C-alpha atoms as a PDB file:
ATOM      1  CA  MET A   1      33.609  12.559  68.695  1.00  0.00           C
ATOM      2  CA  ASN A   2      34.836  15.616  70.487  1.00  0.00           C
ATOM      3  CA  MET A   3      38.252  17.488  69.568  1.00  0.00           C
ATOM      4  CA  HIS A   4      40.412  15.721  71.929  1.00  0.00           C
ATOM      5  CA  ALA A   5      39.266  12.272  70.338  1.00  0.00           C
ATOM      6  CA  ALA A   6      39.564  13.642  66.699  1.00  0.00           C
ATOM      7  CA  ARG A   7      43.149  14.924  67.593  1.00  0.00           C
ATOM      8  CA  SER A   8      44.091  11.305  68.477  1.00  0.00           C
ATOM      9  CA  ALA A   9      42.277   9.726  65.829  1.00  0.00           C
ATOM     10  CA  PHE A  10      43.386  11.516  63.115  1.00  0.00           C
ATOM     11  CA  GLY A  11      46.805  12.565  64.264  1.00  0.00           C
ATOM     12  CA  PHE A  12      46.591  16.328  64.447  1.00  0.00           C
ATOM     13  CA  ASP A  13      48.412  16.891  67.736  1.00  0.00           C
ATOM     14  CA  THR A  14      48.381  20.823  67.537  1.00  0.00           C
ATOM     15  CA  LEU A  15      45.956  22.707  69.347  1.00  0.00           C
ATOM     16  CA  LYS A  16      46.210  26.513  69.976  1.00  0.00           C
ATOM     17  CA  ARG A  17      44.178  27.611  73.073  1.00  0.00           C
ATOM     18  CA  ILE A  18      42.787  31.092  72.588  1.00  0.00           C
ATOM     19  CA  LEU A  19      41.123  32.632  75.743  1.00  0.00           C
ATOM     20  CA  GLY A  20      40.453  28.959  76.773  1.00  0.00           C
ATOM     21  CA  ILE A  21      38.946  27.597  73.547  1.00  0.00           C
ATOM     22  CA  SER A  22      41.307  24.888  71.871  1.00  0.00           C
ATOM     23  CA  VAL A  23      41.674  25.305  68.428  1.00  0.00           C
ATOM     24  CA  LEU A  24      43.054  23.146  65.676  1.00  0.00           C
ATOM     25  CA  ALA A  25      45.669  24.373  64.142  1.00  0.00           C
ATOM     26  CA  ILE A  26      45.614  22.689  60.774  1.00  0.00           C
ATOM     27  CA  ARG A  27      46.491  23.602  56.732  1.00  0.00           C
ATOM     28  CA  TRP A  28      43.294  23.941  54.732  1.00  0.00           C
ATOM     29  CA  ASP A  29      44.019  20.477  52.714  1.00  0.00           C
ATOM     30  CA  GLU A  30      44.339  18.924  56.072  1.00  0.00           C
ATOM     31  CA  ALA A  31      40.922  20.137  57.314  1.00  0.00           C
ATOM     32  CA  ILE A  32      38.939  19.263  54.371  1.00  0.00           C
ATOM     33  CA  ALA A  33      40.609  15.684  54.406  1.00  0.00           C
ATOM     34  CA  LEU A  34      39.732  15.142  58.126  1.00  0.00           C
ATOM     35  CA  LEU A  35      36.121  16.267  57.595  1.00  0.00           C
ATOM     36  CA  SER A  36      35.947  14.052  54.369  1.00  0.00           C
ATOM     37  CA  ARG A  37      37.291  11.022  56.865  1.00  0.00           C
ATOM     38  CA  LEU A  38      34.740  11.907  59.709  1.00  0.00           C
ATOM     39  CA  ILE A  39      32.093  11.665  56.810  1.00  0.00           C
ATOM     40  CA  ALA A  40      33.355   8.217  55.222  1.00  0.00           C
ATOM     41  CA  GLU A  41      33.673   6.789  58.657  1.00  0.00           C
ATOM     42  CA  ARG A  42      30.633   8.221  59.916  1.00  0.00           C
ATOM     43  CA  ARG A  43      32.182   9.389  63.129  1.00  0.00           C
ATOM     44  CA  PHE A  44      29.796  12.233  64.725  1.00  0.00           C
ATOM     45  CA  ALA A  45      31.729  15.531  65.293  1.00  0.00           C
ATOM     46  CA  LYS A  46      30.294  18.946  66.071  1.00  0.00           C
ATOM     47  CA  VAL A  47      32.121  21.563  64.048  1.00  0.00           C
ATOM     48  CA  SER A  48      32.437  25.468  64.821  1.00  0.00           C
ATOM     49  CA  PHE A  49      34.807  28.181  64.184  1.00  0.00           C
ATOM     50  CA  LEU A  50      36.530  30.516  66.260  1.00  0.00           C
ATOM     51  CA  ASN A  51      36.894  34.349  65.704  1.00  0.00           C
ATOM     52  CA  ALA A  52      37.516  37.428  67.993  1.00  0.00           C
ATOM     53  CA  HIS A  53      33.607  37.897  68.580  1.00  0.00           C
ATOM     54  CA  ASN A  54      32.968  34.332  69.248  1.00  0.00           C
ATOM     55  CA  ALA A  55      36.191  34.222  71.683  1.00  0.00           C
ATOM     56  CA  ASN A  56      34.761  37.204  73.547  1.00  0.00           C
ATOM     57  CA  LEU A  57      31.383  35.552  73.975  1.00  0.00           C
ATOM     58  CA  ALA A  58      32.771  32.244  75.368  1.00  0.00           C
ATOM     59  CA  TYR A  59      35.286  34.384  77.645  1.00  0.00           C
ATOM     60  CA  SER A  60      32.320  35.831  79.321  1.00  0.00           C
ATOM     61  CA  ASP A  61      29.726  32.927  79.112  1.00  0.00           C
ATOM     62  CA  PRO A  62      30.908  29.769  80.694  1.00  0.00           C
ATOM     63  CA  VAL A  63      27.779  27.790  79.285  1.00  0.00           C
ATOM     64  CA  PHE A  64      28.829  28.551  75.655  1.00  0.00           C
ATOM     65  CA  ALA A  65      32.679  28.239  76.563  1.00  0.00           C
ATOM     66  CA  GLU A  66      31.962  24.700  77.585  1.00  0.00           C
ATOM     67  CA  ALA A  67      29.628  23.744  74.830  1.00  0.00           C
ATOM     68  CA  LEU A  68      32.677  24.783  72.692  1.00  0.00           C
ATOM     69  CA  ASP A  69      34.809  22.225  74.317  1.00  0.00           C
ATOM     70  CA  ASP A  70      33.136  19.441  72.825  1.00  0.00           C
ATOM     71  CA  PHE A  71      33.408  20.907  69.499  1.00  0.00           C
ATOM     72  CA  LEU A  72      35.913  20.777  66.503  1.00  0.00           C
ATOM     73  CA  VAL A  73      36.846  24.356  66.395  1.00  0.00           C
ATOM     74  CA  LEU A  74      38.894  25.797  63.270  1.00  0.00           C
ATOM     75  CA  PRO A  75      40.500  29.190  63.213  1.00  0.00           C
ATOM     76  CA  ASP A  76      38.471  32.006  61.498  1.00  0.00           C
ATOM     77  CA  GLY A  77      40.158  35.402  60.873  1.00  0.00           C
ATOM     78  CA  VAL A  78      42.721  38.054  61.174  1.00  0.00           C
ATOM     79  CA  GLY A  79      42.127  38.433  65.084  1.00  0.00           C
ATOM     80  CA  VAL A  80      42.932  34.665  66.207  1.00  0.00           C
ATOM     81  CA  ASP A  81      45.773  34.790  63.839  1.00  0.00           C
ATOM     82  CA  ILE A  82      47.114  37.835  65.747  1.00  0.00           C
ATOM     83  CA  ALA A  83      46.424  36.010  69.177  1.00  0.00           C
ATOM     84  CA  ALA A  84      48.306  32.709  67.948  1.00  0.00           C
ATOM     85  CA  LYS A  85      51.363  34.972  67.035  1.00  0.00           C
ATOM     86  CA  LEU A  86      51.241  36.746  70.166  1.00  0.00           C
ATOM     87  CA  LEU A  87      50.707  33.676  72.418  1.00  0.00           C
ATOM     88  CA  TYR A  88      52.578  30.995  70.264  1.00  0.00           C
ATOM     89  CA  GLY A  89      54.997  32.716  68.079  1.00  0.00           C
ATOM     90  CA  ALA A  90      53.147  31.729  65.050  1.00  0.00           C
ATOM     91  CA  PRO A  91      50.025  32.348  63.031  1.00  0.00           C
ATOM     92  CA  PHE A  92      47.579  29.471  62.271  1.00  0.00           C
ATOM     93  CA  PRO A  93      48.453  27.751  59.366  1.00  0.00           C
ATOM     94  CA  ASP A  94      45.598  28.811  56.819  1.00  0.00           C
ATOM     95  CA  ASN A  95      42.433  30.859  57.751  1.00  0.00           C
ATOM     96  CA  LEU A  96      39.428  28.575  57.661  1.00  0.00           C
ATOM     97  CA  ASN A  97      36.663  30.985  57.784  1.00  0.00           C
ATOM     98  CA  GLY A  98      33.553  28.988  57.147  1.00  0.00           C
ATOM     99  CA  THR A  99      32.268  31.575  54.250  1.00  0.00           C
ATOM    100  CA  ASP A 100      34.966  30.119  52.112  1.00  0.00           C
ATOM    101  CA  PHE A 101      35.917  26.876  53.469  1.00  0.00           C
ATOM    102  CA  ILE A 102      32.793  25.139  53.525  1.00  0.00           C
ATOM    103  CA  PRO A 103      31.961  25.670  49.903  1.00  0.00           C
ATOM    104  CA  ALA A 104      35.178  24.651  49.172  1.00  0.00           C
ATOM    105  CA  PHE A 105      35.057  21.514  51.243  1.00  0.00           C
ATOM    106  CA  LEU A 106      31.769  20.773  49.885  1.00  0.00           C
ATOM    107  CA  GLN A 107      33.125  21.168  46.286  1.00  0.00           C
ATOM    108  CA  ALA A 108      36.104  19.133  47.328  1.00  0.00           C
ATOM    109  CA  SER A 109      34.143  16.045  48.612  1.00  0.00           C
ATOM    110  CA  THR A 110      33.684  13.631  45.374  1.00  0.00           C
ATOM    111  CA  ARG A 111      31.499  11.426  47.587  1.00  0.00           C
ATOM    112  CA  PRO A 112      27.748  12.163  47.045  1.00  0.00           C
ATOM    113  CA  LEU A 113      26.438  13.737  50.284  1.00  0.00           C
ATOM    114  CA  THR A 114      23.229  14.721  51.778  1.00  0.00           C
ATOM    115  CA  VAL A 115      23.448  18.238  53.195  1.00  0.00           C
ATOM    116  CA  ALA A 116      20.973  19.846  55.168  1.00  0.00           C
ATOM    117  CA  LEU A 117      20.414  23.485  55.400  1.00  0.00           C
ATOM    118  CA  LEU A 118      18.895  25.011  59.131  1.00  0.00           C
ATOM    119  CA  GLY A 119      18.841  28.469  59.426  1.00  0.00           C
ATOM    120  CA  ALA A 120      18.766  32.050  58.037  1.00  0.00           C
ATOM    121  CA  THR A 121      15.138  33.358  56.661  1.00  0.00           C
ATOM    122  CA  ARG A 122      13.626  30.513  54.196  1.00  0.00           C
ATOM    123  CA  VAL A 123      14.120  32.886  51.214  1.00  0.00           C
ATOM    124  CA  ASN A 124      17.701  33.037  51.969  1.00  0.00           C
ATOM    125  CA  ALA A 125      18.080  29.303  52.730  1.00  0.00           C
ATOM    126  CA  GLU A 126      16.517  28.360  49.802  1.00  0.00           C
ATOM    127  CA  ALA A 127      18.634  30.754  47.584  1.00  0.00           C
ATOM    128  CA  ALA A 128      21.807  29.427  49.320  1.00  0.00           C
ATOM    129  CA  SER A 129      20.847  25.787  48.460  1.00  0.00           C
ATOM    130  CA  VAL A 130      20.298  26.732  44.993  1.00  0.00           C
ATOM    131  CA  LYS A 131      23.910  28.322  44.861  1.00  0.00           C
ATOM    132  CA  LEU A 132      25.246  25.275  46.764  1.00  0.00           C
ATOM    133  CA  SER A 133      23.942  23.027  44.272  1.00  0.00           C
ATOM    134  CA  ALA A 134      25.430  24.827  41.104  1.00  0.00           C
ATOM    135  CA  LEU A 135      28.645  24.593  43.185  1.00  0.00           C
ATOM    136  CA  ALA A 136      28.859  21.080  44.225  1.00  0.00           C
ATOM    137  CA  VAL A 137      26.463  19.233  41.813  1.00  0.00           C
ATOM    138  CA  GLN A 138      27.354  15.642  43.373  1.00  0.00           C
ATOM    139  CA  HIS A 139      25.522  16.518  46.550  1.00  0.00           C
ATOM    140  CA  LYS A 140      21.585  16.875  47.530  1.00  0.00           C
ATOM    141  CA  PHE A 141      21.032  19.857  49.431  1.00  0.00           C
ATOM    142  CA  VAL A 142      17.547  19.898  51.600  1.00  0.00           C
ATOM    143  CA  VAL A 143      16.330  23.173  53.114  1.00  0.00           C
ATOM    144  CA  VAL A 144      14.992  21.709  56.736  1.00  0.00           C
ATOM    145  CA  HIS A 145      13.626  25.240  58.438  1.00  0.00           C
ATOM    146  CA  ASP A 146      14.295  28.647  58.848  1.00  0.00           C
ATOM    147  CA  GLY A 147      15.997  29.971  61.870  1.00  0.00           C
ATOM    148  CA  TYR A 148      12.894  31.508  63.330  1.00  0.00           C
ATOM    149  CA  PHE A 149      11.163  28.761  64.976  1.00  0.00           C
ATOM    150  CA  SER A 150       9.569  28.622  68.278  1.00  0.00           C
ATOM    151  CA  PRO A 151      10.598  26.076  71.309  1.00  0.00           C
ATOM    152  CA  ALA A 152       7.020  24.146  70.653  1.00  0.00           C
ATOM    153  CA  GLU A 153       8.575  23.826  66.974  1.00  0.00           C
ATOM    154  CA  GLU A 154      11.867  22.291  67.565  1.00  0.00           C
ATOM    155  CA  PRO A 155      10.672  18.536  68.308  1.00  0.00           C
ATOM    156  CA  ALA A 156       9.217  18.230  64.719  1.00  0.00           C
ATOM    157  CA  ILE A 157      12.015  19.909  63.380  1.00  0.00           C
ATOM    158  CA  VAL A 158      14.581  17.473  65.269  1.00  0.00           C
ATOM    159  CA  GLU A 159      12.432  14.701  64.236  1.00  0.00           C
ATOM    160  CA  ARG A 160      12.586  15.684  60.385  1.00  0.00           C
ATOM    161  CA  ILE A 161      16.666  16.169  60.704  1.00  0.00           C
ATOM    162  CA  ALA A 162      16.741  12.405  62.282  1.00  0.00           C
ATOM    163  CA  ARG A 163      14.672  10.929  59.380  1.00  0.00           C
ATOM    164  CA  LEU A 164      16.737  12.782  56.837  1.00  0.00           C
ATOM    165  CA  ARG A 165      20.142  11.878  58.658  1.00  0.00           C
ATOM    166  CA  PRO A 166      21.915  14.164  56.649  1.00  0.00           C
ATOM    167  CA  ASP A 167      25.844  13.721  56.310  1.00  0.00           C
ATOM    168  CA  VAL A 168      26.321  17.368  56.825  1.00  0.00           C
ATOM    169  CA  LEU A 169      23.904  19.461  58.586  1.00  0.00           C
ATOM    170  CA  LEU A 170      24.754  23.454  58.361  1.00  0.00           C
ATOM    171  CA  VAL A 171      23.177  25.410  61.395  1.00  0.00           C
ATOM    172  CA  ALA A 172      23.244  28.924  60.575  1.00  0.00           C
ATOM    173  CA  MET A 173      21.503  30.792  63.605  1.00  0.00           C
ATOM    174  CA  GLY A 174      24.348  33.581  64.767  1.00  0.00           C
ATOM    175  CA  VAL A 175      26.499  32.768  67.998  1.00  0.00           C
ATOM    176  CA  PRO A 176      26.006  31.436  70.363  1.00  0.00           C
ATOM    177  CA  ARG A 177      22.592  30.115  69.448  1.00  0.00           C
ATOM    178  CA  GLN A 178      23.740  27.815  66.856  1.00  0.00           C
ATOM    179  CA  GLU A 179      26.431  25.980  68.839  1.00  0.00           C
ATOM    180  CA  LEU A 180      24.030  25.628  71.818  1.00  0.00           C
ATOM    181  CA  TRP A 181      21.305  24.441  69.801  1.00  0.00           C
ATOM    182  CA  ILE A 182      23.296  21.876  68.166  1.00  0.00           C
ATOM    183  CA  ALA A 183      25.065  20.729  71.725  1.00  0.00           C
ATOM    184  CA  ARG A 184      21.586  20.505  73.046  1.00  0.00           C
ATOM    185  CA  HIS A 185      19.560  18.651  70.170  1.00  0.00           C
ATOM    186  CA  ILE A 186      21.869  16.852  67.950  1.00  0.00           C
ATOM    187  CA  ASP A 187      24.025  13.843  68.053  1.00  0.00           C
ATOM    188  CA  ALA A 188      25.024  11.150  66.001  1.00  0.00           C
ATOM    189  CA  ARG A 189      21.089   9.699  65.559  1.00  0.00           C
ATOM    190  CA  HIS A 190      20.760  13.168  63.326  1.00  0.00           C
ATOM    191  CA  CYS A 191      23.820  13.688  61.004  1.00  0.00           C
ATOM    192  CA  THR A 192      27.303  12.869  61.152  1.00  0.00           C
ATOM    193  CA  LEU A 193      28.772  16.588  60.896  1.00  0.00           C
ATOM    194  CA  PRO A 194      26.650  19.393  62.441  1.00  0.00           C
ATOM    195  CA  ILE A 195      28.278  22.562  61.523  1.00  0.00           C
ATOM    196  CA  ALA A 196      27.946  26.259  63.203  1.00  0.00           C
ATOM    197  CA  VAL A 197      27.965  28.312  59.872  1.00  0.00           C
ATOM    198  CA  GLY A 198      27.079  31.835  60.784  1.00  0.00           C
ATOM    199  CA  ALA A 199      26.148  33.995  58.267  1.00  0.00           C
ATOM    200  CA  LEU A 200      27.019  31.607  55.636  1.00  0.00           C
ATOM    201  CA  LEU A 201      23.265  31.067  54.240  1.00  0.00           C
ATOM    202  CA  ASP A 202      22.931  34.936  53.962  1.00  0.00           C
ATOM    203  CA  PHE A 203      26.666  35.328  52.111  1.00  0.00           C
ATOM    204  CA  LEU A 204      25.566  32.617  49.691  1.00  0.00           C
ATOM    205  CA  SER A 205      22.236  34.123  49.155  1.00  0.00           C
ATOM    206  CA  GLY A 206      23.915  37.033  47.800  1.00  0.00           C
ATOM    207  CA  THR A 207      21.451  39.099  50.533  1.00  0.00           C
ATOM    208  CA  VAL A 208      24.561  40.369  52.387  1.00  0.00           C
ATOM    209  CA  PRO A 209      27.673  41.222  50.114  1.00  0.00           C
ATOM    210  CA  ARG A 210      31.109  39.886  50.447  1.00  0.00           C
ATOM    211  CA  ALA A 211      33.974  42.389  50.663  1.00  0.00           C
ATOM    212  CA  PRO A 212      36.072  42.807  47.603  1.00  0.00           C
ATOM    213  CA  LEU A 213      38.518  40.145  46.836  1.00  0.00           C
ATOM    214  CA  TRP A 214      41.256  42.425  47.549  1.00  0.00           C
ATOM    215  CA  MET A 215      39.991  43.300  51.019  1.00  0.00           C
ATOM    216  CA  ARG A 216      39.450  39.629  51.704  1.00  0.00           C
ATOM    217  CA  ARG A 217      43.282  38.823  50.636  1.00  0.00           C
ATOM    218  CA  LEU A 218      44.435  41.971  52.993  1.00  0.00           C
ATOM    219  CA  ARG A 219      42.293  40.239  56.015  1.00  0.00           C
ATOM    220  CA  LEU A 220      39.985  43.381  56.160  1.00  0.00           C
ATOM    221  CA  GLU A 221      36.818  41.773  55.534  1.00  0.00           C
ATOM    222  CA  TRP A 222      35.620  42.513  59.039  1.00  0.00           C
ATOM    223  CA  LEU A 223      36.066  46.256  58.025  1.00  0.00           C
ATOM    224  CA  TYR A 224      33.913  46.054  55.168  1.00  0.00           C
ATOM    225  CA  ARG A 225      31.468  44.517  57.037  1.00  0.00           C
ATOM    226  CA  LEU A 226      31.509  47.250  59.716  1.00  0.00           C
ATOM    227  CA  TRP A 227      31.026  49.698  56.792  1.00  0.00           C
ATOM    228  CA  ILE A 228      28.029  47.790  55.514  1.00  0.00           C
ATOM    229  CA  GLU A 229      26.172  47.316  58.871  1.00  0.00           C
ATOM    230  CA  PRO A 230      27.532  49.765  61.311  1.00  0.00           C
ATOM    231  CA  GLY A 231      24.737  49.921  63.365  1.00  0.00           C
ATOM    232  CA  ARG A 232      24.618  46.047  64.215  1.00  0.00           C
ATOM    233  CA  LEU A 233      28.291  45.379  63.944  1.00  0.00           C
ATOM    234  CA  TRP A 234      30.103  48.372  65.603  1.00  0.00           C
ATOM    235  CA  ARG A 235      30.090  47.088  68.975  1.00  0.00           C
ATOM    236  CA  ARG A 236      31.533  43.868  67.675  1.00  0.00           C
ATOM    237  CA  TYR A 237      34.434  45.181  65.968  1.00  0.00           C
ATOM    238  CA  VAL A 238      35.054  48.555  67.523  1.00  0.00           C
ATOM    239  CA  VAL A 239      34.733  47.739  71.069  1.00  0.00           C
ATOM    240  CA  GLY A 240      35.205  43.936  70.781  1.00  0.00           C
ATOM    241  CA  ASN A 241      38.339  43.820  68.608  1.00  0.00           C
ATOM    242  CA  PRO A 242      40.501  45.962  71.394  1.00  0.00           C
ATOM    243  CA  LEU A 243      39.069  43.966  74.085  1.00  0.00           C
ATOM    244  CA  PHE A 244      39.740  40.404  72.700  1.00  0.00           C
ATOM    245  CA  LEU A 245      43.460  42.005  72.023  1.00  0.00           C
ATOM    246  CA  TRP A 246      43.603  42.989  75.620  1.00  0.00           C
ATOM    247  CA  ARG A 247      42.058  39.747  77.098  1.00  0.00           C
ATOM    248  CA  VAL A 248      45.077  37.834  75.140  1.00  0.00           C
ATOM    249  CA  PHE A 249      47.541  40.133  76.150  1.00  0.00           C
ATOM    250  CA  LYS A 250      46.334  39.258  79.668  1.00  0.00           C
ATOM    251  CA  GLN A 251      46.290  35.642  78.831  1.00  0.00           C
ATOM    252  CA  LYS A 252      50.134  35.643  77.486  1.00  0.00           C
ATOM    253  CA  LEU A 253      51.105  37.695  80.557  1.00  0.00           C
ATOM    254  CA  ALA A 254      49.355  34.784  82.849  1.00  0.00           C
ATOM    255  CA  HIS A 255      51.751  32.260  81.315  1.00  0.00           C
ATOM    256  CA  ALA A 256      54.494  34.139  81.037  1.00  0.00           C
ATOM    257  CA  PRO A 257      57.948  32.138  82.408  1.00  0.00           C
ATOM    258  CA  ARG A 258      58.630  33.110  85.853  1.00  0.00           C
ATOM    259  CA  PRO A 259      61.342  35.931  86.898  1.00  0.00           C
ATOM    260  CA  ALA A 260      64.641  34.235  87.385  1.00  0.00           C
ATOM    261  CA  GLU A 261      64.433  33.973  91.205  1.00  0.00           C
ATOM    262  CA  ALA A 262      61.662  31.622  90.904  1.00  0.00           C
ATOM    263  CA  ARG A 263      63.933  29.324  89.323  1.00  0.00           C
ATOM    264  CA  ARG A 264      66.079  28.764  91.775  1.00  0.00           C
END
């Protein structure tokens, strides 16, 4: 099921297009209800999140952008909120960043689920599985494989997922590899909800620290991450954030109303 089908099937008709990517504008509890209903009805749906960095990558990578067109895309972070405000006059209803939203979704799901983890290092994936098992005791968590595998190993990994057929498959390989891997290898035979979760398993394992709560509430977690990992993330934030806003501004100009004479 792609985003457009889900929109019609579940009554969510609010989409905001950010640099060509359609993002669902729904509240936190609506998103939890949507994913829960997809699982209950075994409706296959690929899920991802859009932030400024992902949007920049999709802007310059048509293969990634095309793959995202077949995902349910949820809004992640202050960058896309600023973009929505600039383009549509209002931010997204809620910040559905995967690091907070996915654990909350699993906690809220009362139906016992099988949740498979794929990605990160083996140590971090196992530690994340232990953390999730404590957060959501009703579910079964299974580490399928770490994220460091060769193309030759892929068929066995995909086959293991198909045998397990989890309700949820958390894929943590970084952007855009995780989305492209899901698009190329995973369909309804393998699971119900494959979710591209980025660094979630690293955060859950405790290897990568979260920003203090006050920074998260001020929407400054990106600044904390930049401080922790400047060598890896400076280009993403220091260069990427202004570039994203410039591209959004160009999108706004491209769709601005014509001058009065054009309306005659």
